[in-house]
Amino acid sequence: MIRSRARLGIASRSFTRITASQAPPWSTQATSAHRALYYPGQGTAGLAPHRVREILLIMSDHLDHVVDISSTFDRKVRAVREHASQFGRHPDLEGFLRGLATRAGAAFGVPLAESFKRLAPS
């Protein structure tokens, strides 16, 4: 079964109120991806229209959803280590990621989590 979930990049502090002319490039990209998910153009490719059930935005000031990553945390650390360009040779990558995951989950009663702003298409 394919789950209809999308994870997008960085959400600005006022993601729902920002206009393209006010947005830095990364926010414009997130807004474009957001619009593509809401209004997909699959018809031109001969595909049936599809809408995702939820969109999860990272790094928002309005976090309201967490995913428990306790059972997959070790896998996450291994995956992040494969992307040296993002963290270089961080002296304590696992500790750094564990601290982020612990803080993300604390407010929601989850030991290790990733937090998001959840949007549900109407």
PDB file of N, CA and C in Angstrom:
ATOM      1  N   MET A   1       0.837  -1.179   0.000  1.00  0.00           N
ATOM      2  CA  MET A   1       0.000   0.000   0.000  1.00  0.00           C
ATOM      3  C   MET A   1       0.882   1.243   0.000  1.00  0.00           C
ATOM      4  N   ILE A   2       0.560   2.202  -0.812  1.00  0.00           N
ATOM      5  CA  ILE A   2       1.285   3.465  -0.866  1.00  0.00           C
ATOM      6  C   ILE A   2       0.575   4.454   0.052  1.00  0.00           C
ATOM      7  N   ARG A   3       1.322   5.053   0.945  1.00  0.00           N
ATOM      8  CA  ARG A   3       0.744   6.055   1.842  1.00  0.00           C
ATOM      9  C   ARG A   3       0.863   7.415   1.202  1.00  0.00           C
ATOM     10  N   SER A   4      -0.175   8.172   1.268  1.00  0.00           N
ATOM     11  CA  SER A   4      -0.190   9.513   0.675  1.00  0.00           C
ATOM     12  C   SER A   4       0.296  10.527   1.690  1.00  0.00           C
ATOM     13  N   ARG A   5       1.596  10.644   1.786  1.00  0.00           N
ATOM     14  CA  ARG A   5       2.199  11.587   2.717  1.00  0.00           C
ATOM     15  C   ARG A   5       3.337  12.257   1.986  1.00  0.00           C
ATOM     16  N   ALA A   6       3.494  13.520   2.222  1.00  0.00           N
ATOM     17  CA  ALA A   6       4.599  14.238   1.598  1.00  0.00           C
ATOM     18  C   ALA A   6       5.339  15.001   2.677  1.00  0.00           C
ATOM     19  N   ARG A   7       6.660  14.998   2.593  1.00  0.00           N
ATOM     20  CA  ARG A   7       7.471  15.804   3.498  1.00  0.00           C
ATOM     21  C   ARG A   7       8.171  16.845   2.656  1.00  0.00           C
ATOM     22  N   LEU A   8       7.975  18.097   3.034  1.00  0.00           N
ATOM     23  CA  LEU A   8       8.573  19.199   2.293  1.00  0.00           C
ATOM     24  C   LEU A   8       9.681  19.826   3.104  1.00  0.00           C
ATOM     25  N   GLY A   9      10.394  20.700   2.462  1.00  0.00           N
ATOM     26  CA  GLY A   9      11.498  21.398   3.090  1.00  0.00           C
ATOM     27  C   GLY A   9      11.059  22.392   4.135  1.00  0.00           C
ATOM     28  N   ILE A  10      11.881  23.370   4.322  1.00  0.00           N
ATOM     29  CA  ILE A  10      11.739  24.333   5.407  1.00  0.00           C
ATOM     30  C   ILE A  10      10.478  25.164   5.274  1.00  0.00           C
ATOM     31  N   ALA A  11       9.782  25.331   6.367  1.00  0.00           N
ATOM     32  CA  ALA A  11       8.602  26.191   6.408  1.00  0.00           C
ATOM     33  C   ALA A  11       9.012  27.514   7.047  1.00  0.00           C
ATOM     34  N   SER A  12       8.620  28.589   6.437  1.00  0.00           N
ATOM     35  CA  SER A  12       8.948  29.883   7.030  1.00  0.00           C
ATOM     36  C   SER A  12       8.058  30.120   8.241  1.00  0.00           C
ATOM     37  N   ARG A  13       8.388  31.105   9.016  1.00  0.00           N
ATOM     38  CA  ARG A  13       7.592  31.408  10.201  1.00  0.00           C
ATOM     39  C   ARG A  13       6.166  31.784   9.854  1.00  0.00           C
ATOM     40  N   SER A  14       5.981  32.377   8.699  1.00  0.00           N
ATOM     41  CA  SER A  14       4.635  32.773   8.285  1.00  0.00           C
ATOM     42  C   SER A  14       4.303  32.107   6.955  1.00  0.00           C
ATOM     43  N   PHE A  15       4.527  30.806   6.884  1.00  0.00           N
ATOM     44  CA  PHE A  15       4.386  30.075   5.637  1.00  0.00           C
ATOM     45  C   PHE A  15       3.030  30.319   4.981  1.00  0.00           C
ATOM     46  N   THR A  16       1.989  30.368   5.776  1.00  0.00           N
ATOM     47  CA  THR A  16       0.659  30.509   5.189  1.00  0.00           C
ATOM     48  C   THR A  16       0.358  31.942   4.765  1.00  0.00           C
ATOM     49  N   ARG A  17       1.203  32.908   5.154  1.00  0.00           N
ATOM     50  CA  ARG A  17       0.925  34.307   4.822  1.00  0.00           C
ATOM     51  C   ARG A  17       1.964  34.921   3.888  1.00  0.00           C
ATOM     52  N   ILE A  18       3.019  34.217   3.598  1.00  0.00           N
ATOM     53  CA  ILE A  18       4.109  34.802   2.820  1.00  0.00           C
ATOM     54  C   ILE A  18       3.789  34.756   1.328  1.00  0.00           C
ATOM     55  N   THR A  19       4.194  35.771   0.607  1.00  0.00           N
ATOM     56  CA  THR A  19       3.997  35.786  -0.841  1.00  0.00           C
ATOM     57  C   THR A  19       5.332  35.503  -1.510  1.00  0.00           C
ATOM     58  N   ALA A  20       5.282  35.088  -2.766  1.00  0.00           N
ATOM     59  CA  ALA A  20       6.508  34.744  -3.484  1.00  0.00           C
ATOM     60  C   ALA A  20       7.465  35.923  -3.548  1.00  0.00           C
ATOM     61  N   SER A  21       6.943  37.155  -3.680  1.00  0.00           N
ATOM     62  CA  SER A  21       7.830  38.311  -3.781  1.00  0.00           C
ATOM     63  C   SER A  21       8.539  38.615  -2.465  1.00  0.00           C
ATOM     64  N   GLN A  22       7.989  38.180  -1.340  1.00  0.00           N
ATOM     65  CA  GLN A  22       8.591  38.416  -0.032  1.00  0.00           C
ATOM     66  C   GLN A  22       9.519  37.286   0.382  1.00  0.00           C
ATOM     67  N   ALA A  23       9.454  36.160  -0.297  1.00  0.00           N
ATOM     68  CA  ALA A  23      10.098  34.952   0.161  1.00  0.00           C
ATOM     69  C   ALA A  23      11.541  34.832  -0.301  1.00  0.00           C
ATOM     70  N   PRO A  24      12.399  34.318   0.572  1.00  0.00           N
ATOM     71  CA  PRO A  24      13.748  33.952   0.122  1.00  0.00           C
ATOM     72  C   PRO A  24      13.628  32.731  -0.783  1.00  0.00           C
ATOM     73  N   PRO A  25      14.660  32.411  -1.546  1.00  0.00           N
ATOM     74  CA  PRO A  25      14.577  31.305  -2.509  1.00  0.00           C
ATOM     75  C   PRO A  25      14.104  29.978  -1.931  1.00  0.00           C
ATOM     76  N   TRP A  26      14.578  29.571  -0.732  1.00  0.00           N
ATOM     77  CA  TRP A  26      14.163  28.284  -0.191  1.00  0.00           C
ATOM     78  C   TRP A  26      12.679  28.260   0.100  1.00  0.00           C
ATOM     79  N   SER A  27      12.128  29.378   0.554  1.00  0.00           N
ATOM     80  CA  SER A  27      10.704  29.422   0.857  1.00  0.00           C
ATOM     81  C   SER A  27       9.882  29.382  -0.427  1.00  0.00           C
ATOM     82  N   THR A  28      10.376  30.035  -1.465  1.00  0.00           N
ATOM     83  CA  THR A  28       9.700  29.987  -2.751  1.00  0.00           C
ATOM     84  C   THR A  28       9.657  28.555  -3.252  1.00  0.00           C
ATOM     85  N   GLN A  29      10.748  27.824  -3.068  1.00  0.00           N
ATOM     86  CA  GLN A  29      10.782  26.434  -3.493  1.00  0.00           C
ATOM     87  C   GLN A  29       9.796  25.596  -2.697  1.00  0.00           C
ATOM     88  N   ALA A  30       9.728  25.808  -1.397  1.00  0.00           N
ATOM     89  CA  ALA A  30       8.774  25.060  -0.578  1.00  0.00           C
ATOM     90  C   ALA A  30       7.348  25.399  -0.989  1.00  0.00           C
ATOM     91  N   THR A  31       7.081  26.676  -1.275  1.00  0.00           N
ATOM     92  CA  THR A  31       5.750  27.082  -1.703  1.00  0.00           C
ATOM     93  C   THR A  31       5.407  26.434  -3.035  1.00  0.00           C
ATOM     94  N   SER A  32       6.357  26.384  -3.953  1.00  0.00           N
ATOM     95  CA  SER A  32       6.115  25.751  -5.249  1.00  0.00           C
ATOM     96  C   SER A  32       5.823  24.269  -5.085  1.00  0.00           C
ATOM     97  N   ALA A  33       6.592  23.605  -4.231  1.00  0.00           N
ATOM     98  CA  ALA A  33       6.353  22.183  -3.987  1.00  0.00           C
ATOM     99  C   ALA A  33       4.988  21.982  -3.355  1.00  0.00           C
ATOM    100  N   HIS A  34       4.631  22.869  -2.437  1.00  0.00           N
ATOM    101  CA  HIS A  34       3.330  22.815  -1.777  1.00  0.00           C
ATOM    102  C   HIS A  34       2.207  22.934  -2.798  1.00  0.00           C
ATOM    103  N   ARG A  35       2.311  23.891  -3.704  1.00  0.00           N
ATOM    104  CA  ARG A  35       1.291  24.065  -4.746  1.00  0.00           C
ATOM    105  C   ARG A  35       1.222  22.851  -5.658  1.00  0.00           C
ATOM    106  N   ALA A  36       2.371  22.269  -5.976  1.00  0.00           N
ATOM    107  CA  ALA A  36       2.381  21.093  -6.851  1.00  0.00           C
ATOM    108  C   ALA A  36       1.661  19.920  -6.199  1.00  0.00           C
ATOM    109  N   LEU A  37       1.765  19.813  -4.875  1.00  0.00           N
ATOM    110  CA  LEU A  37       1.076  18.727  -4.192  1.00  0.00           C
ATOM    111  C   LEU A  37      -0.422  18.953  -4.146  1.00  0.00           C
ATOM    112  N   TYR A  38      -0.829  20.200  -4.004  1.00  0.00           N
ATOM    113  CA  TYR A  38      -2.249  20.505  -3.969  1.00  0.00           C
ATOM    114  C   TYR A  38      -2.879  20.469  -5.348  1.00  0.00           C
ATOM    115  N   TYR A  39      -2.154  20.849  -6.367  1.00  0.00           N
ATOM    116  CA  TYR A  39      -2.690  20.933  -7.726  1.00  0.00           C
ATOM    117  C   TYR A  39      -1.797  20.194  -8.701  1.00  0.00           C
ATOM    118  N   PRO A  40      -1.746  18.861  -8.555  1.00  0.00           N
ATOM    119  CA  PRO A  40      -0.832  18.108  -9.412  1.00  0.00           C
ATOM    120  C   PRO A  40      -1.257  18.153 -10.875  1.00  0.00           C
ATOM    121  N   GLY A  41      -0.300  18.091 -11.776  1.00  0.00           N
ATOM    122  CA  GLY A  41      -0.580  18.138 -13.202  1.00  0.00           C
ATOM    123  C   GLY A  41      -0.378  16.789 -13.862  1.00  0.00           C
ATOM    124  N   GLN A  42      -0.777  15.728 -13.194  1.00  0.00           N
ATOM    125  CA  GLN A  42      -0.564  14.401 -13.750  1.00  0.00           C
ATOM    126  C   GLN A  42      -1.367  14.150 -15.012  1.00  0.00           C
ATOM    127  N   GLY A  43      -2.437  14.890 -15.228  1.00  0.00           N
ATOM    128  CA  GLY A  43      -3.291  14.668 -16.385  1.00  0.00           C
ATOM    129  C   GLY A  43      -2.533  14.737 -17.690  1.00  0.00           C
ATOM    130  N   THR A  44      -1.572  15.651 -17.777  1.00  0.00           N
ATOM    131  CA  THR A  44      -0.803  15.780 -19.013  1.00  0.00           C
ATOM    132  C   THR A  44       0.090  14.570 -19.255  1.00  0.00           C
ATOM    133  N   ALA A  45       0.377  13.814 -18.217  1.00  0.00           N
ATOM    134  CA  ALA A  45       1.200  12.614 -18.356  1.00  0.00           C
ATOM    135  C   ALA A  45       0.335  11.361 -18.477  1.00  0.00           C
ATOM    136  N   GLY A  46      -0.988  11.548 -18.539  1.00  0.00           N
ATOM    137  CA  GLY A  46      -1.885  10.407 -18.648  1.00  0.00           C
ATOM    138  C   GLY A  46      -2.168   9.712 -17.330  1.00  0.00           C
ATOM    139  N   LEU A  47      -1.854  10.367 -16.232  1.00  0.00           N
ATOM    140  CA  LEU A  47      -2.093   9.779 -14.912  1.00  0.00           C
ATOM    141  C   LEU A  47      -3.346  10.367 -14.291  1.00  0.00           C
ATOM    142  N   ALA A  48      -4.000   9.569 -13.477  1.00  0.00           N
ATOM    143  CA  ALA A  48      -5.191  10.047 -12.764  1.00  0.00           C
ATOM    144  C   ALA A  48      -4.778  11.062 -11.708  1.00  0.00           C
ATOM    145  N   PRO A  49      -5.616  12.064 -11.451  1.00  0.00           N
ATOM    146  CA  PRO A  49      -5.289  13.046 -10.400  1.00  0.00           C
ATOM    147  C   PRO A  49      -5.112  12.356  -9.049  1.00  0.00           C
ATOM    148  N   HIS A  50      -4.230  12.883  -8.259  1.00  0.00           N
ATOM    149  CA  HIS A  50      -3.955  12.334  -6.938  1.00  0.00           C
ATOM    150  C   HIS A  50      -3.721  13.478  -5.967  1.00  0.00           C
ATOM    151  N   ARG A  51      -4.273  13.364  -4.788  1.00  0.00           N
ATOM    152  CA  ARG A  51      -4.045  14.359  -3.746  1.00  0.00           C
ATOM    153  C   ARG A  51      -3.513  13.640  -2.517  1.00  0.00           C
ATOM    154  N   VAL A  52      -2.511  14.221  -1.908  1.00  0.00           N
ATOM    155  CA  VAL A  52      -1.957  13.630  -0.697  1.00  0.00           C
ATOM    156  C   VAL A  52      -2.884  13.891   0.477  1.00  0.00           C
ATOM    157  N   ARG A  53      -2.800  13.029   1.495  1.00  0.00           N
ATOM    158  CA  ARG A  53      -3.629  13.195   2.684  1.00  0.00           C
ATOM    159  C   ARG A  53      -3.061  14.222   3.649  1.00  0.00           C
ATOM    160  N   GLU A  54      -1.738  14.352   3.628  1.00  0.00           N
ATOM    161  CA  GLU A  54      -1.121  15.327   4.527  1.00  0.00           C
ATOM    162  C   GLU A  54       0.215  15.767   3.957  1.00  0.00           C
ATOM    163  N   ILE A  55       0.618  16.955   4.393  1.00  0.00           N
ATOM    164  CA  ILE A  55       1.906  17.520   4.020  1.00  0.00           C
ATOM    165  C   ILE A  55       2.604  17.863   5.326  1.00  0.00           C
ATOM    166  N   LEU A  56       3.831  17.397   5.485  1.00  0.00           N
ATOM    167  CA  LEU A  56       4.590  17.645   6.701  1.00  0.00           C
ATOM    168  C   LEU A  56       5.736  18.590   6.382  1.00  0.00           C
ATOM    169  N   LEU A  57       5.747  19.751   7.038  1.00  0.00           N
ATOM    170  CA  LEU A  57       6.779  20.764   6.835  1.00  0.00           C
ATOM    171  C   LEU A  57       7.762  20.728   7.990  1.00  0.00           C
ATOM    172  N   ILE A  58       9.051  20.743   7.678  1.00  0.00           N
ATOM    173  CA  ILE A  58      10.056  20.729   8.738  1.00  0.00           C
ATOM    174  C   ILE A  58      10.464  22.153   9.101  1.00  0.00           C
ATOM    175  N   MET A  59      11.055  22.298  10.271  1.00  0.00           N
ATOM    176  CA  MET A  59      11.631  23.560  10.750  1.00  0.00           C
ATOM    177  C   MET A  59      10.634  24.710  10.781  1.00  0.00           C
ATOM    178  N   SER A  60       9.429  24.430  11.202  1.00  0.00           N
ATOM    179  CA  SER A  60       8.410  25.463  11.339  1.00  0.00           C
ATOM    180  C   SER A  60       8.392  25.973  12.771  1.00  0.00           C
ATOM    181  N   ASP A  61       7.927  27.179  12.956  1.00  0.00           N
ATOM    182  CA  ASP A  61       7.709  27.702  14.312  1.00  0.00           C
ATOM    183  C   ASP A  61       6.355  27.255  14.861  1.00  0.00           C
ATOM    184  N   HIS A  62       5.612  26.515  14.077  1.00  0.00           N
ATOM    185  CA  HIS A  62       4.256  26.106  14.458  1.00  0.00           C
ATOM    186  C   HIS A  62       4.134  24.590  14.407  1.00  0.00           C
ATOM    187  N   LEU A  63       4.990  23.888  15.138  1.00  0.00           N
ATOM    188  CA  LEU A  63       5.015  22.430  15.122  1.00  0.00           C
ATOM    189  C   LEU A  63       3.779  21.873  15.811  1.00  0.00           C
ATOM    190  N   ASP A  64       3.116  20.920  15.173  1.00  0.00           N
ATOM    191  CA  ASP A  64       1.918  20.340  15.763  1.00  0.00           C
ATOM    192  C   ASP A  64       1.802  18.830  15.513  1.00  0.00           C
ATOM    193  N   HIS A  65       2.874  18.221  15.002  1.00  0.00           N
ATOM    194  CA  HIS A  65       2.819  16.793  14.674  1.00  0.00           C
ATOM    195  C   HIS A  65       4.222  16.198  14.858  1.00  0.00           C
ATOM    196  N   VAL A  66       4.290  15.029  15.462  1.00  0.00           N
ATOM    197  CA  VAL A  66       5.574  14.350  15.594  1.00  0.00           C
ATOM    198  C   VAL A  66       5.469  12.930  15.058  1.00  0.00           C
ATOM    199  N   VAL A  67       6.610  12.425  14.629  1.00  0.00           N
ATOM    200  CA  VAL A  67       6.734  11.027  14.218  1.00  0.00           C
ATOM    201  C   VAL A  67       7.769  10.405  15.142  1.00  0.00           C
ATOM    202  N   ASP A  68       7.383   9.338  15.830  1.00  0.00           N
ATOM    203  CA  ASP A  68       8.289   8.627  16.730  1.00  0.00           C
ATOM    204  C   ASP A  68       9.345   7.909  15.896  1.00  0.00           C
ATOM    205  N   ILE A  69      10.608   8.275  16.086  1.00  0.00           N
ATOM    206  CA  ILE A  69      11.698   7.648  15.323  1.00  0.00           C
ATOM    207  C   ILE A  69      12.563   6.763  16.223  1.00  0.00           C
ATOM    208  N   SER A  70      12.047   6.400  17.391  1.00  0.00           N
ATOM    209  CA  SER A  70      12.816   5.580  18.335  1.00  0.00           C
ATOM    210  C   SER A  70      13.309   4.287  17.703  1.00  0.00           C
ATOM    211  N   SER A  71      12.461   3.615  16.959  1.00  0.00           N
ATOM    212  CA  SER A  71      12.838   2.318  16.390  1.00  0.00           C
ATOM    213  C   SER A  71      13.723   2.439  15.152  1.00  0.00           C
ATOM    214  N   THR A  72      13.825   3.630  14.590  1.00  0.00           N
ATOM    215  CA  THR A  72      14.624   3.816  13.370  1.00  0.00           C
ATOM    216  C   THR A  72      15.766   4.806  13.558  1.00  0.00           C
ATOM    217  N   PHE A  73      16.013   5.223  14.792  1.00  0.00           N
ATOM    218  CA  PHE A  73      17.033   6.250  15.026  1.00  0.00           C
ATOM    219  C   PHE A  73      18.421   5.812  14.559  1.00  0.00           C
ATOM    220  N   ASP A  74      18.820   4.590  14.847  1.00  0.00           N
ATOM    221  CA  ASP A  74      20.149   4.125  14.419  1.00  0.00           C
ATOM    222  C   ASP A  74      20.280   4.158  12.897  1.00  0.00           C
ATOM    223  N   ARG A  75      19.221   3.796  12.225  1.00  0.00           N
ATOM    224  CA  ARG A  75      19.210   3.848  10.758  1.00  0.00           C
ATOM    225  C   ARG A  75      19.336   5.282  10.270  1.00  0.00           C
ATOM    226  N   LYS A  76      18.659   6.210  10.955  1.00  0.00           N
ATOM    227  CA  LYS A  76      18.750   7.628  10.593  1.00  0.00           C
ATOM    228  C   LYS A  76      20.197   8.113  10.722  1.00  0.00           C
ATOM    229  N   VAL A  77      20.854   7.765  11.814  1.00  0.00           N
ATOM    230  CA  VAL A  77      22.238   8.190  12.026  1.00  0.00           C
ATOM    231  C   VAL A  77      23.127   7.664  10.898  1.00  0.00           C
ATOM    232  N   ARG A  78      22.963   6.391  10.549  1.00  0.00           N
ATOM    233  CA  ARG A  78      23.761   5.825   9.447  1.00  0.00           C
ATOM    234  C   ARG A  78      23.486   6.565   8.134  1.00  0.00           C
ATOM    235  N   ALA A  79      22.228   6.886   7.877  1.00  0.00           N
ATOM    236  CA  ALA A  79      21.869   7.589   6.637  1.00  0.00           C
ATOM    237  C   ALA A  79      22.465   8.994   6.606  1.00  0.00           C
ATOM    238  N   VAL A  80      22.389   9.710   7.717  1.00  0.00           N
ATOM    239  CA  VAL A  80      22.932  11.072   7.765  1.00  0.00           C
ATOM    240  C   VAL A  80      24.446  11.042   7.586  1.00  0.00           C
ATOM    241  N   ARG A  81      25.098  10.036   8.135  1.00  0.00           N
ATOM    242  CA  ARG A  81      26.555   9.918   7.965  1.00  0.00           C
ATOM    243  C   ARG A  81      26.948   9.771   6.497  1.00  0.00           C
ATOM    244  N   GLU A  82      26.068   9.241   5.688  1.00  0.00           N
ATOM    245  CA  GLU A  82      26.339   9.077   4.258  1.00  0.00           C
ATOM    246  C   GLU A  82      26.303  10.417   3.514  1.00  0.00           C
ATOM    247  N   HIS A  83      25.762  11.442   4.151  1.00  0.00           N
ATOM    248  CA  HIS A  83      25.661  12.769   3.538  1.00  0.00           C
ATOM    249  C   HIS A  83      26.668  13.712   4.197  1.00  0.00           C
ATOM    250  N   ALA A  84      27.922  13.466   3.942  1.00  0.00           N
ATOM    251  CA  ALA A  84      29.003  14.232   4.575  1.00  0.00           C
ATOM    252  C   ALA A  84      28.899  15.719   4.272  1.00  0.00           C
ATOM    253  N   SER A  85      28.318  16.084   3.142  1.00  0.00           N
ATOM    254  CA  SER A  85      28.217  17.505   2.788  1.00  0.00           C
ATOM    255  C   SER A  85      27.294  18.266   3.735  1.00  0.00           C
ATOM    256  N   GLN A  86      26.404  17.568   4.440  1.00  0.00           N
ATOM    257  CA  GLN A  86      25.483  18.257   5.342  1.00  0.00           C
ATOM    258  C   GLN A  86      26.080  18.467   6.730  1.00  0.00           C
ATOM    259  N   PHE A  87      26.822  17.516   7.223  1.00  0.00           N
ATOM    260  CA  PHE A  87      27.358  17.628   8.576  1.00  0.00           C
ATOM    261  C   PHE A  87      28.868  17.517   8.636  1.00  0.00           C
ATOM    262  N   GLY A  88      29.503  17.290   7.501  1.00  0.00           N
ATOM    263  CA  GLY A  88      30.949  17.157   7.498  1.00  0.00           C
ATOM    264  C   GLY A  88      31.394  16.051   8.423  1.00  0.00           C
ATOM    265  N   ARG A  89      32.394  16.335   9.173  1.00  0.00           N
ATOM    266  CA  ARG A  89      32.893  15.339  10.129  1.00  0.00           C
ATOM    267  C   ARG A  89      32.531  15.794  11.536  1.00  0.00           C
ATOM    268  N   HIS A  90      31.249  15.923  11.791  1.00  0.00           N
ATOM    269  CA  HIS A  90      30.761  16.351  13.099  1.00  0.00           C
ATOM    270  C   HIS A  90      31.353  15.439  14.170  1.00  0.00           C
ATOM    271  N   PRO A  91      31.950  16.006  15.216  1.00  0.00           N
ATOM    272  CA  PRO A  91      32.633  15.188  16.221  1.00  0.00           C
ATOM    273  C   PRO A  91      31.693  14.255  16.998  1.00  0.00           C
ATOM    274  N   ASP A  92      30.431  14.615  17.122  1.00  0.00           N
ATOM    275  CA  ASP A  92      29.480  13.767  17.851  1.00  0.00           C
ATOM    276  C   ASP A  92      28.140  13.804  17.123  1.00  0.00           C
ATOM    277  N   LEU A  93      28.119  13.300  15.903  1.00  0.00           N
ATOM    278  CA  LEU A  93      26.904  13.349  15.096  1.00  0.00           C
ATOM    279  C   LEU A  93      25.744  12.641  15.779  1.00  0.00           C
ATOM    280  N   GLU A  94      25.989  11.447  16.300  1.00  0.00           N
ATOM    281  CA  GLU A  94      24.904  10.711  16.947  1.00  0.00           C
ATOM    282  C   GLU A  94      24.352  11.482  18.148  1.00  0.00           C
ATOM    283  N   GLY A  95      25.235  12.052  18.962  1.00  0.00           N
ATOM    284  CA  GLY A  95      24.778  12.842  20.111  1.00  0.00           C
ATOM    285  C   GLY A  95      24.004  14.074  19.688  1.00  0.00           C
ATOM    286  N   PHE A  96      24.477  14.731  18.631  1.00  0.00           N
ATOM    287  CA  PHE A  96      23.797  15.913  18.100  1.00  0.00           C
ATOM    288  C   PHE A  96      22.385  15.552  17.632  1.00  0.00           C
ATOM    289  N   LEU A  97      22.271  14.492  16.818  1.00  0.00           N
ATOM    290  CA  LEU A  97      20.962  14.077  16.315  1.00  0.00           C
ATOM    291  C   LEU A  97      20.060  13.578  17.433  1.00  0.00           C
ATOM    292  N   ARG A  98      20.641  12.875  18.405  1.00  0.00           N
ATOM    293  CA  ARG A  98      19.841  12.399  19.547  1.00  0.00           C
ATOM    294  C   ARG A  98      19.288  13.578  20.345  1.00  0.00           C
ATOM    295  N   GLY A  99      20.102  14.619  20.522  1.00  0.00           N
ATOM    296  CA  GLY A  99      19.623  15.808  21.230  1.00  0.00           C
ATOM    297  C   GLY A  99      18.455  16.467  20.506  1.00  0.00           C
ATOM    298  N   LEU A 100      18.572  16.599  19.184  1.00  0.00           N
ATOM    299  CA  LEU A 100      17.469  17.178  18.401  1.00  0.00           C
ATOM    300  C   LEU A 100      16.202  16.334  18.532  1.00  0.00           C
ATOM    301  N   ALA A 101      16.368  15.013  18.405  1.00  0.00           N
ATOM    302  CA  ALA A 101      15.213  14.113  18.454  1.00  0.00           C
ATOM    303  C   ALA A 101      14.589  14.074  19.849  1.00  0.00           C
ATOM    304  N   THR A 102      15.415  14.160  20.874  1.00  0.00           N
ATOM    305  CA  THR A 102      14.902  14.164  22.251  1.00  0.00           C
ATOM    306  C   THR A 102      14.094  15.421  22.517  1.00  0.00           C
ATOM    307  N   ARG A 103      14.631  16.580  22.102  1.00  0.00           N
ATOM    308  CA  ARG A 103      13.905  17.845  22.287  1.00  0.00           C
ATOM    309  C   ARG A 103      12.613  17.867  21.467  1.00  0.00           C
ATOM    310  N   ALA A 104      12.647  17.342  20.262  1.00  0.00           N
ATOM    311  CA  ALA A 104      11.445  17.325  19.414  1.00  0.00           C
ATOM    312  C   ALA A 104      10.349  16.479  20.040  1.00  0.00           C
ATOM    313  N   GLY A 105      10.722  15.373  20.652  1.00  0.00           N
ATOM    314  CA  GLY A 105       9.718  14.488  21.221  1.00  0.00           C
ATOM    315  C   GLY A 105       9.239  14.872  22.602  1.00  0.00           C
ATOM    316  N   ALA A 106      10.046  15.629  23.359  1.00  0.00           N
ATOM    317  CA  ALA A 106       9.721  15.933  24.754  1.00  0.00           C
ATOM    318  C   ALA A 106       8.349  16.563  24.938  1.00  0.00           C
ATOM    319  N   ALA A 107       8.022  17.532  24.112  1.00  0.00           N
ATOM    320  CA  ALA A 107       6.737  18.231  24.263  1.00  0.00           C
ATOM    321  C   ALA A 107       5.546  17.334  23.934  1.00  0.00           C
ATOM    322  N   PHE A 108       5.809  16.220  23.260  1.00  0.00           N
ATOM    323  CA  PHE A 108       4.727  15.335  22.842  1.00  0.00           C
ATOM    324  C   PHE A 108       4.779  13.983  23.552  1.00  0.00           C
ATOM    325  N   GLY A 109       5.701  13.831  24.518  1.00  0.00           N
ATOM    326  CA  GLY A 109       5.798  12.587  25.271  1.00  0.00           C
ATOM    327  C   GLY A 109       6.360  11.422  24.477  1.00  0.00           C
ATOM    328  N   VAL A 110       7.218  11.719  23.499  1.00  0.00           N
ATOM    329  CA  VAL A 110       7.834  10.690  22.654  1.00  0.00           C
ATOM    330  C   VAL A 110       9.332  10.733  22.906  1.00  0.00           C
ATOM    331  N   PRO A 111       9.990   9.569  23.119  1.00  0.00           N
ATOM    332  CA  PRO A 111      11.416   9.587  23.453  1.00  0.00           C
ATOM    333  C   PRO A 111      12.312  10.203  22.375  1.00  0.00           C
ATOM    334  N   LEU A 112      12.122   9.803  21.126  1.00  0.00           N
ATOM    335  CA  LEU A 112      12.904  10.336  20.006  1.00  0.00           C
ATOM    336  C   LEU A 112      11.928  10.612  18.868  1.00  0.00           C
ATOM    337  N   ALA A 113      11.941  11.836  18.354  1.00  0.00           N
ATOM    338  CA  ALA A 113      10.942  12.190  17.346  1.00  0.00           C
ATOM    339  C   ALA A 113      11.488  13.194  16.345  1.00  0.00           C
ATOM    340  N   GLU A 114      10.792  13.286  15.238  1.00  0.00           N
ATOM    341  CA  GLU A 114      10.966  14.378  14.291  1.00  0.00           C
ATOM    342  C   GLU A 114       9.656  15.141  14.324  1.00  0.00           C
ATOM    343  N   SER A 115       9.745  16.465  14.358  1.00  0.00           N
ATOM    344  CA  SER A 115       8.530  17.268  14.481  1.00  0.00           C
ATOM    345  C   SER A 115       8.269  18.052  13.204  1.00  0.00           C
ATOM    346  N   PHE A 116       6.990  18.302  12.973  1.00  0.00           N
ATOM    347  CA  PHE A 116       6.538  18.925  11.734  1.00  0.00           C
ATOM    348  C   PHE A 116       5.358  19.856  11.979  1.00  0.00           C
ATOM    349  N   LYS A 117       5.115  20.722  11.026  1.00  0.00           N
ATOM    350  CA  LYS A 117       3.845  21.429  10.901  1.00  0.00           C
ATOM    351  C   LYS A 117       3.046  20.590   9.918  1.00  0.00           C
ATOM    352  N   ARG A 118       1.892  20.134  10.311  1.00  0.00           N
ATOM    353  CA  ARG A 118       1.068  19.272   9.468  1.00  0.00           C
ATOM    354  C   ARG A 118       0.005  20.095   8.756  1.00  0.00           C
ATOM    355  N   LEU A 119      -0.062  19.928   7.451  1.00  0.00           N
ATOM    356  CA  LEU A 119      -1.111  20.548   6.652  1.00  0.00           C
ATOM    357  C   LEU A 119      -1.954  19.429   6.048  1.00  0.00           C
ATOM    358  N   ALA A 120      -3.249  19.596   6.100  1.00  0.00           N
ATOM    359  CA  ALA A 120      -4.159  18.611   5.499  1.00  0.00           C
ATOM    360  C   ALA A 120      -4.921  19.296   4.365  1.00  0.00           C
ATOM    361  N   PRO A 121      -4.718  18.837   3.135  1.00  0.00           N
ATOM    362  CA  PRO A 121      -5.458  19.445   2.017  1.00  0.00           C
ATOM    363  C   PRO A 121      -6.961  19.368   2.252  1.00  0.00           C
ATOM    364  N   SER A 122      -7.646  20.396   1.873  1.00  0.00           N
ATOM    365  CA  SER A 122      -9.106  20.386   2.056  1.00  0.00           C
ATOM    366  C   SER A 122      -9.786  19.906   0.801  1.00  0.00           C
TER     367      SER A 122
END
